[in-house]
Amino acid sequence: MKYELIVSGEFSNVQGLQADLTFPAVITCSLCNYTHPKTVIITEDSSVKLKFNYKCNFELQCHSCKNDIKISILKPENMVCEEIPDKYDDLFKIEYCPVTNDLCKLSIFNSQGGEISEIKNTPLNVLTSDKKFFKNQVIDEKKSLVGDYGEGKFFSILNCEFFIKQIK
């Protein structure tokens, strides 16, 4: 099964978002419907290999029925690659997912043997409409992310929520 991680909210001065592809997730076995009692961390940096072949980013055995659950992180097709200037006007490359209609499709997960029932709060990298890039911005307990960067400029995401949507 494939799942999309989508960020929704009221975006102001936000052109795109990026995550460092580390996600705290709640996993449910698709065979026996058992929900793993602890939040697990799915990260792009970790991978399970078998005889030098890529297998998946995360593997877990169900505590109830011993079913193997495997999850891979994929980049979404809508990801944009762009060069923007840093504070010294040197160009650097970033990849981000554009915000459209107060939604941002942040990542795709390919899952076998299990379902991702929830993604917990994960830090976001924010690209503003005027091409300023801010790393590791955390959504607060009021489901808001607000940052200012001088001269009365700010960016915000209000009523911010992460949700998982199953796709084909």
N, C-alpha and C. Protein backbone atom coordinates (compact mmCIF):
# COMPACT_ATOMS: atom_id res chain seq x y z
N MET A 1 0.84 -1.18 0.00
CA MET A 1 0.00 0.00 0.00
C MET A 1 0.88 1.24 0.00
N LYS A 2 0.39 2.26 -0.65
CA LYS A 2 1.10 3.54 -0.66
C LYS A 2 0.29 4.57 0.10
N TYR A 3 1.03 5.40 0.82
CA TYR A 3 0.42 6.46 1.61
C TYR A 3 1.12 7.78 1.32
N GLU A 4 0.34 8.86 1.32
CA GLU A 4 0.89 10.21 1.20
C GLU A 4 0.82 10.87 2.56
N LEU A 5 1.90 11.56 2.92
CA LEU A 5 1.87 12.40 4.11
C LEU A 5 1.56 13.81 3.64
N ILE A 6 0.47 14.37 4.14
CA ILE A 6 0.02 15.69 3.72
C ILE A 6 -0.02 16.61 4.93
N VAL A 7 0.46 17.83 4.73
CA VAL A 7 0.38 18.87 5.76
C VAL A 7 -0.72 19.83 5.32
N SER A 8 -1.67 20.07 6.21
CA SER A 8 -2.74 21.02 5.90
C SER A 8 -2.71 22.15 6.92
N GLY A 9 -3.26 23.28 6.55
CA GLY A 9 -3.32 24.42 7.46
C GLY A 9 -3.58 25.70 6.69
N GLU A 10 -3.52 26.80 7.40
CA GLU A 10 -3.66 28.12 6.79
C GLU A 10 -2.26 28.68 6.59
N PHE A 11 -1.77 28.60 5.35
CA PHE A 11 -0.40 29.00 5.02
C PHE A 11 -0.34 30.48 4.68
N SER A 12 0.66 31.16 5.23
CA SER A 12 0.88 32.58 4.91
C SER A 12 2.37 32.78 4.63
N ASN A 13 2.68 33.27 3.43
CA ASN A 13 4.05 33.52 2.99
C ASN A 13 4.89 32.24 2.97
N VAL A 14 4.27 31.10 2.66
CA VAL A 14 4.98 29.82 2.56
C VAL A 14 4.80 29.30 1.14
N GLN A 15 5.92 29.14 0.43
CA GLN A 15 5.88 28.61 -0.93
C GLN A 15 5.98 27.10 -0.94
N GLY A 16 6.78 26.55 -0.02
CA GLY A 16 6.96 25.11 0.00
C GLY A 16 7.51 24.61 1.32
N LEU A 17 7.43 23.29 1.50
CA LEU A 17 7.92 22.64 2.71
C LEU A 17 8.81 21.47 2.34
N GLN A 18 9.64 21.10 3.28
CA GLN A 18 10.52 19.95 3.13
C GLN A 18 10.68 19.34 4.52
N ALA A 19 10.76 18.03 4.57
CA ALA A 19 11.07 17.34 5.83
C ALA A 19 12.40 16.63 5.64
N ASP A 20 13.10 16.41 6.73
CA ASP A 20 14.38 15.72 6.65
C ASP A 20 14.21 14.21 6.54
N LEU A 21 13.03 13.78 6.18
CA LEU A 21 12.68 12.38 5.96
C LEU A 21 12.98 11.51 7.17
N THR A 22 12.62 12.03 8.33
CA THR A 22 12.62 11.29 9.59
C THR A 22 11.25 11.49 10.20
N PHE A 23 10.51 10.39 10.33
CA PHE A 23 9.11 10.51 10.72
C PHE A 23 8.78 9.62 11.91
N PRO A 24 8.27 10.19 13.02
CA PRO A 24 7.74 9.37 14.11
C PRO A 24 6.34 8.88 13.71
N ALA A 25 6.17 7.57 13.69
CA ALA A 25 4.93 7.01 13.14
C ALA A 25 4.29 5.99 14.08
N VAL A 26 2.97 5.87 13.95
CA VAL A 26 2.21 4.83 14.63
C VAL A 26 1.87 3.79 13.57
N ILE A 27 2.24 2.53 13.83
CA ILE A 27 2.11 1.46 12.85
C ILE A 27 1.08 0.44 13.33
N THR A 28 0.21 0.00 12.40
CA THR A 28 -0.78 -1.04 12.69
C THR A 28 -0.57 -2.20 11.72
N CYS A 29 -0.57 -3.41 12.25
CA CYS A 29 -0.42 -4.61 11.41
C CYS A 29 -1.68 -4.77 10.56
N SER A 30 -1.49 -4.99 9.26
CA SER A 30 -2.66 -5.14 8.38
C SER A 30 -3.22 -6.56 8.42
N LEU A 31 -2.50 -7.49 9.03
CA LEU A 31 -2.98 -8.87 9.10
C LEU A 31 -3.90 -9.08 10.31
N CYS A 32 -3.46 -8.61 11.49
CA CYS A 32 -4.26 -8.86 12.71
C CYS A 32 -4.81 -7.58 13.34
N ASN A 33 -4.51 -6.42 12.75
CA ASN A 33 -5.01 -5.12 13.20
C ASN A 33 -4.43 -4.67 14.55
N TYR A 34 -3.29 -5.24 14.93
CA TYR A 34 -2.62 -4.86 16.18
C TYR A 34 -1.84 -3.56 15.95
N THR A 35 -2.04 -2.57 16.83
CA THR A 35 -1.29 -1.32 16.75
C THR A 35 -0.07 -1.42 17.65
N HIS A 36 1.10 -1.16 17.07
CA HIS A 36 2.35 -1.22 17.82
C HIS A 36 2.27 -0.22 18.97
N PRO A 37 2.60 -0.64 20.21
CA PRO A 37 2.39 0.22 21.37
C PRO A 37 3.29 1.46 21.44
N LYS A 38 4.41 1.43 20.73
CA LYS A 38 5.33 2.57 20.79
C LYS A 38 5.39 3.26 19.43
N THR A 39 5.65 4.56 19.46
CA THR A 39 5.89 5.30 18.23
C THR A 39 7.24 4.85 17.68
N VAL A 40 7.30 4.56 16.39
CA VAL A 40 8.56 4.14 15.76
C VAL A 40 9.08 5.26 14.88
N ILE A 41 10.38 5.29 14.67
CA ILE A 41 10.99 6.32 13.84
C ILE A 41 11.35 5.70 12.50
N ILE A 42 10.74 6.23 11.44
CA ILE A 42 11.04 5.81 10.08
C ILE A 42 11.93 6.89 9.49
N THR A 43 13.11 6.50 9.04
CA THR A 43 14.04 7.49 8.52
C THR A 43 14.65 7.03 7.20
N GLU A 44 14.94 7.98 6.34
CA GLU A 44 15.56 7.68 5.05
C GLU A 44 16.98 7.16 5.25
N ASP A 45 17.64 7.59 6.32
CA ASP A 45 19.03 7.21 6.56
C ASP A 45 19.19 5.74 6.93
N SER A 46 18.17 5.14 7.52
CA SER A 46 18.27 3.73 7.87
C SER A 46 17.70 2.89 6.74
N SER A 47 18.31 1.77 6.50
CA SER A 47 17.78 0.88 5.48
C SER A 47 18.13 -0.55 5.84
N VAL A 48 17.25 -1.45 5.48
CA VAL A 48 17.46 -2.87 5.68
C VAL A 48 17.89 -3.44 4.34
N LYS A 49 19.03 -4.14 4.33
CA LYS A 49 19.54 -4.68 3.07
C LYS A 49 19.61 -6.20 3.15
N LEU A 50 19.50 -6.81 2.00
CA LEU A 50 19.61 -8.25 1.90
C LEU A 50 20.49 -8.56 0.70
N LYS A 51 21.66 -9.12 0.92
CA LYS A 51 22.61 -9.45 -0.15
C LYS A 51 22.87 -8.27 -1.06
N PHE A 52 23.17 -7.13 -0.47
CA PHE A 52 23.54 -5.90 -1.18
C PHE A 52 22.40 -5.29 -1.99
N ASN A 53 21.20 -5.75 -1.77
CA ASN A 53 20.04 -5.17 -2.45
C ASN A 53 19.24 -4.35 -1.45
N TYR A 54 18.76 -3.20 -1.90
CA TYR A 54 17.92 -2.37 -1.06
C TYR A 54 16.61 -3.10 -0.79
N LYS A 55 16.20 -3.09 0.45
CA LYS A 55 14.97 -3.79 0.82
C LYS A 55 13.90 -2.80 1.28
N CYS A 56 14.20 -2.00 2.32
CA CYS A 56 13.25 -1.02 2.83
C CYS A 56 13.96 -0.11 3.83
N ASN A 57 13.29 0.96 4.24
CA ASN A 57 13.86 1.86 5.25
C ASN A 57 13.57 1.40 6.67
N PHE A 58 12.51 0.63 6.85
CA PHE A 58 12.13 0.23 8.20
C PHE A 58 11.47 -1.14 8.15
N GLU A 59 11.84 -1.99 9.11
CA GLU A 59 11.22 -3.32 9.19
C GLU A 59 10.89 -3.61 10.65
N LEU A 60 9.72 -4.19 10.86
CA LEU A 60 9.23 -4.49 12.20
C LEU A 60 8.44 -5.79 12.12
N GLN A 61 8.54 -6.59 13.17
CA GLN A 61 7.72 -7.79 13.23
C GLN A 61 6.58 -7.53 14.21
N CYS A 62 5.36 -7.82 13.78
CA CYS A 62 4.19 -7.61 14.62
C CYS A 62 4.35 -8.38 15.93
N HIS A 63 4.07 -7.73 17.05
CA HIS A 63 4.19 -8.37 18.36
C HIS A 63 3.10 -9.41 18.59
N SER A 64 2.01 -9.32 17.85
CA SER A 64 0.88 -10.21 18.04
C SER A 64 0.95 -11.45 17.14
N CYS A 65 1.07 -11.24 15.81
CA CYS A 65 1.00 -12.37 14.88
C CYS A 65 2.32 -12.68 14.17
N LYS A 66 3.37 -11.92 14.47
CA LYS A 66 4.72 -12.10 13.90
C LYS A 66 4.80 -11.80 12.41
N ASN A 67 3.82 -11.09 11.88
CA ASN A 67 3.83 -10.65 10.48
C ASN A 67 4.96 -9.64 10.28
N ASP A 68 5.66 -9.73 9.14
CA ASP A 68 6.71 -8.76 8.82
C ASP A 68 6.09 -7.51 8.22
N ILE A 69 6.46 -6.36 8.78
CA ILE A 69 5.98 -5.06 8.29
C ILE A 69 7.19 -4.31 7.75
N LYS A 70 7.11 -3.89 6.49
CA LYS A 70 8.22 -3.17 5.85
C LYS A 70 7.70 -1.86 5.29
N ILE A 71 8.48 -0.79 5.53
CA ILE A 71 8.08 0.54 5.05
C ILE A 71 9.26 1.21 4.36
N SER A 72 8.99 1.79 3.20
CA SER A 72 9.99 2.56 2.46
C SER A 72 9.50 3.99 2.30
N ILE A 73 10.43 4.94 2.37
CA ILE A 73 10.11 6.35 2.16
C ILE A 73 10.45 6.70 0.72
N LEU A 74 9.51 7.31 0.03
CA LEU A 74 9.71 7.74 -1.35
C LEU A 74 9.50 9.25 -1.44
N LYS A 75 10.23 9.88 -2.35
CA LYS A 75 10.01 11.31 -2.57
C LYS A 75 8.78 11.49 -3.44
N PRO A 76 7.96 12.48 -3.14
CA PRO A 76 6.77 12.71 -3.97
C PRO A 76 7.13 13.23 -5.35
N GLU A 77 6.25 12.95 -6.31
CA GLU A 77 6.50 13.37 -7.69
C GLU A 77 6.45 14.88 -7.85
N ASN A 78 5.77 15.57 -6.95
CA ASN A 78 5.61 17.02 -7.09
C ASN A 78 6.80 17.81 -6.53
N MET A 79 7.85 17.12 -6.09
CA MET A 79 9.00 17.80 -5.49
C MET A 79 9.70 18.68 -6.53
N VAL A 80 10.04 19.90 -6.12
CA VAL A 80 10.68 20.89 -6.99
C VAL A 80 12.12 21.08 -6.53
N CYS A 81 13.04 21.13 -7.48
CA CYS A 81 14.45 21.41 -7.18
C CYS A 81 14.76 22.81 -7.70
N GLU A 82 15.36 23.62 -6.85
CA GLU A 82 15.59 25.02 -7.21
C GLU A 82 16.85 25.52 -6.52
N GLU A 83 17.51 26.48 -7.13
CA GLU A 83 18.65 27.15 -6.50
C GLU A 83 18.18 28.48 -5.94
N ILE A 84 18.53 28.72 -4.67
CA ILE A 84 18.17 30.00 -4.04
C ILE A 84 19.42 30.58 -3.39
N PRO A 85 19.46 31.90 -3.20
CA PRO A 85 20.65 32.51 -2.58
C PRO A 85 20.63 32.36 -1.05
N ASP A 86 21.82 32.16 -0.47
CA ASP A 86 21.93 32.17 0.99
C ASP A 86 22.16 33.62 1.44
N LYS A 87 22.50 33.82 2.71
CA LYS A 87 22.65 35.19 3.22
C LYS A 87 23.84 35.91 2.62
N TYR A 88 24.76 35.17 1.97
CA TYR A 88 25.91 35.79 1.30
C TYR A 88 25.70 35.88 -0.21
N ASP A 89 24.49 35.60 -0.66
CA ASP A 89 24.10 35.58 -2.08
C ASP A 89 24.78 34.48 -2.89
N ASP A 90 25.31 33.46 -2.22
CA ASP A 90 25.80 32.28 -2.92
C ASP A 90 24.61 31.36 -3.14
N LEU A 91 24.54 30.75 -4.31
CA LEU A 91 23.41 29.88 -4.63
C LEU A 91 23.60 28.49 -4.04
N PHE A 92 22.53 27.92 -3.51
CA PHE A 92 22.55 26.52 -3.07
C PHE A 92 21.23 25.87 -3.49
N LYS A 93 21.32 24.54 -3.70
CA LYS A 93 20.17 23.78 -4.18
C LYS A 93 19.30 23.30 -3.03
N ILE A 94 18.01 23.44 -3.22
CA ILE A 94 17.06 22.86 -2.27
C ILE A 94 15.99 22.09 -3.04
N GLU A 95 15.40 21.13 -2.37
CA GLU A 95 14.24 20.42 -2.89
C GLU A 95 13.10 20.69 -1.92
N TYR A 96 11.95 20.99 -2.46
CA TYR A 96 10.80 21.26 -1.61
C TYR A 96 9.53 20.81 -2.31
N CYS A 97 8.50 20.64 -1.50
CA CYS A 97 7.17 20.30 -2.02
C CYS A 97 6.33 21.56 -1.98
N PRO A 98 5.76 21.96 -3.10
CA PRO A 98 4.99 23.21 -3.14
C PRO A 98 3.68 23.12 -2.36
N VAL A 99 3.27 24.27 -1.84
CA VAL A 99 1.99 24.39 -1.14
C VAL A 99 0.93 24.77 -2.17
N THR A 100 -0.15 24.01 -2.22
CA THR A 100 -1.25 24.27 -3.15
C THR A 100 -2.57 24.14 -2.40
N ASN A 101 -3.39 25.19 -2.46
CA ASN A 101 -4.71 25.18 -1.81
C ASN A 101 -4.63 24.78 -0.34
N ASP A 102 -3.68 25.36 0.38
CA ASP A 102 -3.48 25.11 1.82
C ASP A 102 -3.17 23.65 2.14
N LEU A 103 -2.57 22.93 1.18
CA LEU A 103 -2.10 21.56 1.38
C LEU A 103 -0.70 21.43 0.82
N CYS A 104 0.10 20.57 1.45
CA CYS A 104 1.43 20.26 0.94
C CYS A 104 1.65 18.76 1.06
N LYS A 105 1.85 18.10 -0.09
CA LYS A 105 2.13 16.66 -0.11
C LYS A 105 3.61 16.48 0.17
N LEU A 106 3.93 16.05 1.39
CA LEU A 106 5.29 16.09 1.90
C LEU A 106 6.12 14.85 1.60
N SER A 107 5.51 13.68 1.62
CA SER A 107 6.26 12.45 1.41
C SER A 107 5.31 11.32 1.02
N ILE A 108 5.90 10.25 0.50
CA ILE A 108 5.14 9.05 0.16
C ILE A 108 5.78 7.86 0.87
N PHE A 109 4.95 6.99 1.41
CA PHE A 109 5.42 5.77 2.07
C PHE A 109 4.87 4.57 1.32
N ASN A 110 5.73 3.59 1.08
CA ASN A 110 5.30 2.32 0.50
C ASN A 110 5.36 1.30 1.63
N SER A 111 4.24 0.66 1.91
CA SER A 111 4.15 -0.22 3.07
C SER A 111 3.70 -1.62 2.65
N GLN A 112 4.33 -2.63 3.26
CA GLN A 112 3.93 -4.02 3.06
C GLN A 112 3.69 -4.63 4.43
N GLY A 113 2.54 -5.21 4.63
CA GLY A 113 2.24 -5.90 5.88
C GLY A 113 1.74 -5.03 7.01
N GLY A 114 1.70 -3.74 6.79
CA GLY A 114 1.26 -2.84 7.85
C GLY A 114 0.73 -1.54 7.30
N GLU A 115 0.07 -0.82 8.17
CA GLU A 115 -0.49 0.48 7.80
C GLU A 115 0.11 1.55 8.70
N ILE A 116 0.33 2.72 8.14
CA ILE A 116 0.76 3.86 8.92
C ILE A 116 -0.51 4.58 9.34
N SER A 117 -0.85 4.50 10.63
CA SER A 117 -2.09 5.11 11.07
C SER A 117 -1.93 6.57 11.45
N GLU A 118 -0.69 6.99 11.77
CA GLU A 118 -0.49 8.38 12.17
C GLU A 118 0.99 8.74 12.05
N ILE A 119 1.26 9.96 11.66
CA ILE A 119 2.60 10.54 11.72
C ILE A 119 2.54 11.63 12.76
N LYS A 120 3.43 11.54 13.74
CA LYS A 120 3.48 12.55 14.80
C LYS A 120 4.18 13.80 14.27
N ASN A 121 4.17 14.83 15.06
CA ASN A 121 4.80 16.10 14.69
C ASN A 121 6.26 15.90 14.29
N THR A 122 6.64 16.37 13.14
CA THR A 122 8.01 16.27 12.66
C THR A 122 8.48 17.66 12.25
N PRO A 123 9.73 18.02 12.51
CA PRO A 123 10.21 19.35 12.12
C PRO A 123 10.14 19.55 10.61
N LEU A 124 9.86 20.77 10.20
CA LEU A 124 9.73 21.12 8.79
C LEU A 124 10.76 22.17 8.40
N ASN A 125 11.21 22.09 7.17
CA ASN A 125 12.01 23.15 6.57
C ASN A 125 11.06 23.97 5.71
N VAL A 126 11.11 25.29 5.86
CA VAL A 126 10.13 26.18 5.23
C VAL A 126 10.82 27.06 4.20
N LEU A 127 10.25 27.11 2.99
CA LEU A 127 10.68 28.06 1.96
C LEU A 127 9.60 29.13 1.86
N THR A 128 10.00 30.39 2.11
CA THR A 128 9.02 31.48 2.06
C THR A 128 8.80 31.91 0.62
N SER A 129 7.78 32.71 0.42
CA SER A 129 7.44 33.20 -0.92
C SER A 129 8.54 34.07 -1.51
N ASP A 130 9.36 34.70 -0.65
CA ASP A 130 10.47 35.52 -1.15
C ASP A 130 11.81 34.78 -1.08
N LYS A 131 11.75 33.44 -1.13
CA LYS A 131 12.91 32.55 -1.28
C LYS A 131 13.87 32.55 -0.09
N LYS A 132 13.35 32.68 1.12
CA LYS A 132 14.16 32.51 2.33
C LYS A 132 13.87 31.10 2.85
N PHE A 133 14.93 30.42 3.32
CA PHE A 133 14.82 29.02 3.71
C PHE A 133 15.14 28.87 5.19
N PHE A 134 14.23 28.26 5.95
CA PHE A 134 14.38 28.09 7.39
C PHE A 134 14.28 26.61 7.74
N LYS A 135 15.31 26.10 8.43
CA LYS A 135 15.37 24.68 8.75
C LYS A 135 14.82 24.38 10.14
N ASN A 136 14.34 23.16 10.29
CA ASN A 136 13.91 22.60 11.58
C ASN A 136 12.92 23.46 12.34
N GLN A 137 11.88 23.87 11.67
CA GLN A 137 10.81 24.64 12.31
C GLN A 137 9.81 23.66 12.92
N VAL A 138 9.47 23.87 14.19
CA VAL A 138 8.62 22.93 14.92
C VAL A 138 7.24 23.52 15.14
N ILE A 139 6.24 22.71 14.90
CA ILE A 139 4.85 23.11 15.13
C ILE A 139 4.58 23.04 16.63
N ASP A 140 4.01 24.11 17.19
CA ASP A 140 3.80 24.16 18.64
C ASP A 140 2.52 23.43 19.06
N GLU A 141 2.26 23.42 20.36
CA GLU A 141 1.10 22.70 20.89
C GLU A 141 -0.24 23.30 20.45
N LYS A 142 -0.21 24.54 19.94
CA LYS A 142 -1.42 25.17 19.43
C LYS A 142 -1.61 24.90 17.93
N LYS A 143 -0.82 23.96 17.40
CA LYS A 143 -0.85 23.58 15.98
C LYS A 143 -0.52 24.76 15.07
N SER A 144 0.47 25.55 15.50
CA SER A 144 0.91 26.71 14.73
C SER A 144 2.41 26.67 14.54
N LEU A 145 2.84 27.24 13.44
CA LEU A 145 4.26 27.43 13.17
C LEU A 145 4.39 28.86 12.68
N VAL A 146 5.10 29.69 13.42
CA VAL A 146 5.25 31.10 13.06
C VAL A 146 6.71 31.46 13.20
N GLY A 147 7.23 32.17 12.21
CA GLY A 147 8.61 32.65 12.26
C GLY A 147 8.71 34.03 11.67
N ASP A 148 9.60 34.86 12.24
CA ASP A 148 9.83 36.17 11.64
C ASP A 148 11.30 36.28 11.29
N TYR A 149 11.58 37.08 10.27
CA TYR A 149 12.96 37.21 9.82
C TYR A 149 13.32 38.65 9.47
N GLY A 150 12.93 39.56 10.36
CA GLY A 150 13.35 40.96 10.23
C GLY A 150 12.51 41.77 9.27
N GLU A 151 12.58 43.08 9.45
CA GLU A 151 11.89 44.05 8.60
C GLU A 151 10.39 43.77 8.51
N GLY A 152 9.82 43.24 9.59
CA GLY A 152 8.38 42.99 9.62
C GLY A 152 7.93 41.81 8.78
N LYS A 153 8.86 40.98 8.31
CA LYS A 153 8.50 39.83 7.49
C LYS A 153 8.32 38.61 8.38
N PHE A 154 7.32 37.81 8.05
CA PHE A 154 7.08 36.58 8.80
C PHE A 154 6.45 35.54 7.88
N PHE A 155 6.49 34.30 8.35
CA PHE A 155 5.77 33.20 7.68
C PHE A 155 4.98 32.48 8.76
N SER A 156 3.91 31.83 8.35
CA SER A 156 3.12 31.10 9.34
C SER A 156 2.31 29.97 8.70
N ILE A 157 2.05 28.98 9.54
CA ILE A 157 1.09 27.92 9.22
C ILE A 157 0.22 27.79 10.46
N LEU A 158 -1.04 28.15 10.34
CA LEU A 158 -1.98 28.06 11.46
C LEU A 158 -2.87 26.83 11.26
N ASN A 159 -3.37 26.29 12.36
CA ASN A 159 -4.20 25.07 12.33
C ASN A 159 -3.52 23.95 11.54
N CYS A 160 -2.25 23.79 11.78
CA CYS A 160 -1.42 22.84 11.04
C CYS A 160 -1.68 21.41 11.51
N GLU A 161 -1.87 20.52 10.55
CA GLU A 161 -2.08 19.11 10.86
C GLU A 161 -1.39 18.23 9.84
N PHE A 162 -0.86 17.11 10.33
CA PHE A 162 -0.32 16.07 9.46
C PHE A 162 -1.41 15.02 9.30
N PHE A 163 -1.64 14.57 8.07
CA PHE A 163 -2.55 13.43 7.93
C PHE A 163 -2.05 12.51 6.82
N ILE A 164 -2.42 11.25 6.98
CA ILE A 164 -2.01 10.19 6.06
C ILE A 164 -3.20 9.85 5.17
N LYS A 165 -2.91 9.75 3.87
CA LYS A 165 -3.96 9.40 2.91
C LYS A 165 -3.47 8.21 2.09
N GLN A 166 -4.27 7.17 2.01
CA GLN A 166 -3.90 6.02 1.20
C GLN A 166 -4.10 6.37 -0.27
N ILE A 167 -3.10 6.03 -1.09
CA ILE A 167 -3.17 6.29 -2.53
C ILE A 167 -2.95 4.98 -3.28
N LYS A 168 -3.19 5.00 -4.57
CA LYS A 168 -3.03 3.78 -5.38
C LYS A 168 -1.58 3.52 -5.66
